[in-house]
Amino acid sequence: MEKEYFMKEALKEARLALEKGEVPVGAVIVKDGKIISRGHNLKETYKNAIYHAEILAIEEASKVLNAWRLNDCEMYVTLEPCPMCAGAIINSRIKKLYIGAMDDTMGACGTALNLLENYKFNHIVQIEKYILKDECENIIDEFFVNIRKRNDNNG
C-alpha cells in the first residue's frame, strides 16, 4: 500500500507536467516514510535539457536535507530514468528506486541499458519496477496520442 501511495504522488507530479505540455514524468523522494521533495519535467518550460523530474527532485531533497548524500532516501518515478538521471540517482546515493513504467528508448535501469545494476559503481541502488505500471504507462500514452493528434491536425 505504501509503495502505491507514493507512486500516486509521483503521478500527481506527472499530471502537472502534462498540463504544462511537458512529457509527463513525476518523481518524489521519501525519507523516513515522508515525502521530502517532488519534481516533474520542466525541460520545455525552461528550455533546459537537464530539467527532468528526477534531477529537480534530487536538487530539492538536497536543499531540504542540506546534504548531497541522500543515503536513506527512496525515489518513486513514473517513468524509468534516462542515463543522466540514473547517474544522478547513483551519485546522490539514493537507497532505493521505485519505477512505474519502463522506457524502451531511453531507459537506463533495465531496458535500453542498466546503469544501476550492470556496473561496479561505488554505490548500488536497489530497484523495484512496475509500481502502478498501467497508470504510469497510460499518462505517457495520453501525452503521445495528443502530440500525434496535434501533428495530424496541423499537417
C-alpha atoms as a PDB file:
ATOM      1  CA  MET A   1       0.000   0.000   0.000  1.00  0.00           C
ATOM      2  CA  GLU A   2       2.750   2.444   0.914  1.00  0.00           C
ATOM      3  CA  LYS A   3       4.520   2.000  -2.443  1.00  0.00           C
ATOM      4  CA  GLU A   4       1.305   2.687  -4.323  1.00  0.00           C
ATOM      5  CA  TYR A   5       0.613   5.786  -2.226  1.00  0.00           C
ATOM      6  CA  PHE A   6       3.994   7.328  -3.055  1.00  0.00           C
ATOM      7  CA  MET A   7       3.735   6.397  -6.745  1.00  0.00           C
ATOM      8  CA  LYS A   8       0.315   8.105  -6.823  1.00  0.00           C
ATOM      9  CA  GLU A   9       2.056  11.210  -5.506  1.00  0.00           C
ATOM     10  CA  ALA A  10       4.611  10.921  -8.310  1.00  0.00           C
ATOM     11  CA  LEU A  11       1.695  10.588 -10.751  1.00  0.00           C
ATOM     12  CA  LYS A  12       0.300  13.882  -9.424  1.00  0.00           C
ATOM     13  CA  GLU A  13       3.596  15.466 -10.431  1.00  0.00           C
ATOM     14  CA  ALA A  14       3.402  13.803 -13.856  1.00  0.00           C
ATOM     15  CA  ARG A  15      -0.063  15.321 -14.333  1.00  0.00           C
ATOM     16  CA  LEU A  16       1.363  18.775 -13.545  1.00  0.00           C
ATOM     17  CA  ALA A  17       3.939  18.214 -16.289  1.00  0.00           C
ATOM     18  CA  LEU A  18       1.197  17.066 -18.680  1.00  0.00           C
ATOM     19  CA  GLU A  19      -0.815  20.238 -18.008  1.00  0.00           C
ATOM     20  CA  LYS A  20       2.257  22.282 -18.980  1.00  0.00           C
ATOM     21  CA  GLY A  21       2.798  20.365 -22.219  1.00  0.00           C
ATOM     22  CA  GLU A  22       5.813  18.548 -20.815  1.00  0.00           C
ATOM     23  CA  VAL A  23       6.498  14.829 -21.141  1.00  0.00           C
ATOM     24  CA  PRO A  24       4.516  13.672 -18.097  1.00  0.00           C
ATOM     25  CA  VAL A  25       7.114  12.298 -15.731  1.00  0.00           C
ATOM     26  CA  GLY A  26       6.883  12.836 -11.999  1.00  0.00           C
ATOM     27  CA  ALA A  27       9.108  11.935  -9.078  1.00  0.00           C
ATOM     28  CA  VAL A  28       9.006  12.108  -5.306  1.00  0.00           C
ATOM     29  CA  ILE A  29      11.745  11.432  -2.792  1.00  0.00           C
ATOM     30  CA  VAL A  30      10.830   9.831   0.513  1.00  0.00           C
ATOM     31  CA  LYS A  31      12.796   9.727   3.761  1.00  0.00           C
ATOM     32  CA  ASP A  32      11.526   8.015   6.896  1.00  0.00           C
ATOM     33  CA  GLY A  33       8.120   7.477   5.314  1.00  0.00           C
ATOM     34  CA  LYS A  34       7.610  11.147   4.409  1.00  0.00           C
ATOM     35  CA  ILE A  35       7.877  12.954   1.083  1.00  0.00           C
ATOM     36  CA  ILE A  36      10.723  15.460   1.305  1.00  0.00           C
ATOM     37  CA  SER A  37      10.765  16.582  -2.333  1.00  0.00           C
ATOM     38  CA  ARG A  38       8.854  16.467  -5.588  1.00  0.00           C
ATOM     39  CA  GLY A  39       9.644  17.120  -9.198  1.00  0.00           C
ATOM     40  CA  HIS A  40       8.174  16.947 -12.669  1.00  0.00           C
ATOM     41  CA  ASN A  41       9.637  17.529 -16.101  1.00  0.00           C
ATOM     42  CA  LEU A  42      10.215  21.186 -16.941  1.00  0.00           C
ATOM     43  CA  LYS A  43      12.535  20.879 -19.976  1.00  0.00           C
ATOM     44  CA  GLU A  44      10.214  22.711 -22.347  1.00  0.00           C
ATOM     45  CA  THR A  45       9.120  25.302 -19.810  1.00  0.00           C
ATOM     46  CA  TYR A  46      12.675  26.404 -19.015  1.00  0.00           C
ATOM     47  CA  LYS A  47      14.330  25.336 -22.299  1.00  0.00           C
ATOM     48  CA  ASN A  48      16.837  23.322 -20.293  1.00  0.00           C
ATOM     49  CA  ALA A  49      17.744  19.711 -21.149  1.00  0.00           C
ATOM     50  CA  ILE A  50      18.561  18.747 -17.561  1.00  0.00           C
ATOM     51  CA  TYR A  51      15.242  19.790 -16.020  1.00  0.00           C
ATOM     52  CA  HIS A  52      13.992  16.233 -15.634  1.00  0.00           C
ATOM     53  CA  ALA A  53      11.686  15.244 -12.769  1.00  0.00           C
ATOM     54  CA  GLU A  54      14.390  13.183 -11.050  1.00  0.00           C
ATOM     55  CA  ILE A  55      17.038  15.918 -11.209  1.00  0.00           C
ATOM     56  CA  LEU A  56      14.649  18.523  -9.816  1.00  0.00           C
ATOM     57  CA  ALA A  57      13.525  16.190  -7.008  1.00  0.00           C
ATOM     58  CA  ILE A  58      17.153  15.404  -6.108  1.00  0.00           C
ATOM     59  CA  GLU A  59      18.022  19.094  -6.080  1.00  0.00           C
ATOM     60  CA  GLU A  60      15.118  19.893  -3.756  1.00  0.00           C
ATOM     61  CA  ALA A  61      15.865  16.927  -1.434  1.00  0.00           C
ATOM     62  CA  SER A  62      19.494  18.044  -1.165  1.00  0.00           C
ATOM     63  CA  LYS A  63      18.327  21.503  -0.097  1.00  0.00           C
ATOM     64  CA  VAL A  64      15.855  20.078   2.428  1.00  0.00           C
ATOM     65  CA  LEU A  65      18.497  17.810   3.974  1.00  0.00           C
ATOM     66  CA  ASN A  66      21.377  20.251   3.442  1.00  0.00           C
ATOM     67  CA  ALA A  67      23.378  17.357   2.004  1.00  0.00           C
ATOM     68  CA  TRP A  68      24.153  15.869  -1.390  1.00  0.00           C
ATOM     69  CA  ARG A  69      24.116  12.346   0.003  1.00  0.00           C
ATOM     70  CA  LEU A  70      20.559  11.046   0.088  1.00  0.00           C
ATOM     71  CA  ASN A  71      21.601   7.727   1.671  1.00  0.00           C
ATOM     72  CA  ASP A  72      18.385   6.879   3.475  1.00  0.00           C
ATOM     73  CA  CYS A  73      16.060   8.129   0.766  1.00  0.00           C
ATOM     74  CA  GLU A  74      13.901   6.369  -1.773  1.00  0.00           C
ATOM     75  CA  MET A  75      12.742   7.756  -5.107  1.00  0.00           C
ATOM     76  CA  TYR A  76       9.456   6.987  -6.813  1.00  0.00           C
ATOM     77  CA  VAL A  77       9.386   7.886 -10.502  1.00  0.00           C
ATOM     78  CA  THR A  78       6.635   7.302 -13.031  1.00  0.00           C
ATOM     79  CA  LEU A  79       8.977   6.508 -15.946  1.00  0.00           C
ATOM     80  CA  GLU A  80      12.283   4.673 -15.995  1.00  0.00           C
ATOM     81  CA  PRO A  81      15.128   7.188 -15.642  1.00  0.00           C
ATOM     82  CA  CYS A  82      17.348   8.104 -18.591  1.00  0.00           C
ATOM     83  CA  PRO A  83      21.164   7.752 -18.348  1.00  0.00           C
ATOM     84  CA  MET A  84      21.574  11.296 -16.978  1.00  0.00           C
ATOM     85  CA  CYS A  85      19.005  10.747 -14.245  1.00  0.00           C
ATOM     86  CA  ALA A  86      20.247   7.245 -13.419  1.00  0.00           C
ATOM     87  CA  GLY A  87      23.714   8.754 -12.950  1.00  0.00           C
ATOM     88  CA  ALA A  88      22.315  11.442 -10.660  1.00  0.00           C
ATOM     89  CA  ILE A  89      20.472   8.799  -8.638  1.00  0.00           C
ATOM     90  CA  ILE A  90      23.707   6.845  -8.192  1.00  0.00           C
ATOM     91  CA  ASN A  91      25.726   9.956  -7.368  1.00  0.00           C
ATOM     92  CA  SER A  92      23.200  11.191  -4.810  1.00  0.00           C
ATOM     93  CA  ARG A  93      23.356   7.783  -3.077  1.00  0.00           C
ATOM     94  CA  ILE A  94      19.599   7.177  -3.184  1.00  0.00           C
ATOM     95  CA  LYS A  95      18.956   3.862  -1.457  1.00  0.00           C
ATOM     96  CA  LYS A  96      16.049   2.504  -3.496  1.00  0.00           C
ATOM     97  CA  LEU A  97      14.313   3.417  -6.735  1.00  0.00           C
ATOM     98  CA  TYR A  98      10.697   2.525  -7.480  1.00  0.00           C
ATOM     99  CA  ILE A  99       9.736   2.752 -11.161  1.00  0.00           C
ATOM    100  CA  GLY A 100       6.253   2.825 -12.660  1.00  0.00           C
ATOM    101  CA  ALA A 101       6.661   2.335 -16.415  1.00  0.00           C
ATOM    102  CA  MET A 102       9.736   1.267 -18.344  1.00  0.00           C
ATOM    103  CA  ASP A 103      11.173   3.291 -21.249  1.00  0.00           C
ATOM    104  CA  ASP A 104      12.341   1.208 -24.208  1.00  0.00           C
ATOM    105  CA  THR A 105      14.127   4.089 -25.909  1.00  0.00           C
ATOM    106  CA  MET A 106      15.947   5.979 -23.142  1.00  0.00           C
ATOM    107  CA  GLY A 107      15.596   3.830 -20.032  1.00  0.00           C
ATOM    108  CA  ALA A 108      18.848   3.267 -18.164  1.00  0.00           C
ATOM    109  CA  CYS A 109      17.575   0.993 -15.385  1.00  0.00           C
ATOM    110  CA  GLY A 110      16.970  -2.215 -17.302  1.00  0.00           C
ATOM    111  CA  THR A 111      15.674  -1.557 -20.812  1.00  0.00           C
ATOM    112  CA  ALA A 112      17.975   0.353 -23.189  1.00  0.00           C
ATOM    113  CA  LEU A 113      20.799  -0.159 -20.678  1.00  0.00           C
ATOM    114  CA  ASN A 114      21.156  -0.743 -16.970  1.00  0.00           C
ATOM    115  CA  LEU A 115      23.434   1.684 -15.162  1.00  0.00           C
ATOM    116  CA  LEU A 116      22.040   0.775 -11.753  1.00  0.00           C
ATOM    117  CA  GLU A 117      22.760  -2.943 -11.841  1.00  0.00           C
ATOM    118  CA  ASN A 118      25.358  -3.756 -14.510  1.00  0.00           C
ATOM    119  CA  TYR A 119      28.305  -1.648 -13.434  1.00  0.00           C
ATOM    120  CA  LYS A 120      30.657  -1.628 -10.466  1.00  0.00           C
ATOM    121  CA  PHE A 121      29.987   1.835  -9.135  1.00  0.00           C
ATOM    122  CA  ASN A 122      30.744   2.733  -5.538  1.00  0.00           C
ATOM    123  CA  HIS A 123      27.013   2.823  -4.780  1.00  0.00           C
ATOM    124  CA  ILE A 124      24.361   0.285  -5.690  1.00  0.00           C
ATOM    125  CA  VAL A 125      20.745   1.414  -5.939  1.00  0.00           C
ATOM    126  CA  GLN A 126      18.044  -1.156  -5.238  1.00  0.00           C
ATOM    127  CA  ILE A 127      15.287  -1.180  -7.862  1.00  0.00           C
ATOM    128  CA  GLU A 128      11.665  -2.241  -7.810  1.00  0.00           C
ATOM    129  CA  LYS A 129       9.780  -1.953 -11.090  1.00  0.00           C
ATOM    130  CA  TYR A 130       6.183  -1.740 -12.252  1.00  0.00           C
ATOM    131  CA  ILE A 131       4.582   0.083  -9.321  1.00  0.00           C
ATOM    132  CA  LEU A 132       1.181   1.231 -10.704  1.00  0.00           C
ATOM    133  CA  LYS A 133       2.501   0.287 -14.144  1.00  0.00           C
ATOM    134  CA  ASP A 134      -0.788   0.768 -16.003  1.00  0.00           C
ATOM    135  CA  GLU A 135      -1.426   4.246 -14.622  1.00  0.00           C
ATOM    136  CA  CYS A 136       2.149   5.308 -15.358  1.00  0.00           C
ATOM    137  CA  GLU A 137       2.024   3.927 -18.909  1.00  0.00           C
ATOM    138  CA  ASN A 138      -1.391   5.496 -19.551  1.00  0.00           C
ATOM    139  CA  ILE A 139      -0.274   9.049 -18.802  1.00  0.00           C
ATOM    140  CA  ILE A 140       2.708   8.692 -21.163  1.00  0.00           C
ATOM    141  CA  ASP A 141       0.474   7.175 -23.846  1.00  0.00           C
ATOM    142  CA  GLU A 142      -2.033  10.022 -23.423  1.00  0.00           C
ATOM    143  CA  PHE A 143       0.715  12.579 -23.981  1.00  0.00           C
ATOM    144  CA  PHE A 144       1.956  10.985 -27.193  1.00  0.00           C
ATOM    145  CA  VAL A 145      -1.561  10.385 -28.557  1.00  0.00           C
ATOM    146  CA  ASN A 146      -2.258  14.093 -28.065  1.00  0.00           C
ATOM    147  CA  ILE A 147       1.006  15.027 -29.814  1.00  0.00           C
ATOM    148  CA  ARG A 148       0.088  12.848 -32.796  1.00  0.00           C
ATOM    149  CA  LYS A 149      -3.410  14.368 -32.950  1.00  0.00           C
ATOM    150  CA  ARG A 150      -1.953  17.884 -32.932  1.00  0.00           C
ATOM    151  CA  ASN A 151       0.532  16.961 -35.650  1.00  0.00           C
ATOM    152  CA  ASP A 152      -2.214  15.365 -37.771  1.00  0.00           C
ATOM    153  CA  ASN A 153      -4.403  18.451 -37.424  1.00  0.00           C
ATOM    154  CA  ASN A 154      -1.513  20.752 -38.368  1.00  0.00           C
ATOM    155  CA  GLY A 155      -0.296  18.648 -41.280  1.00  0.00           C
END
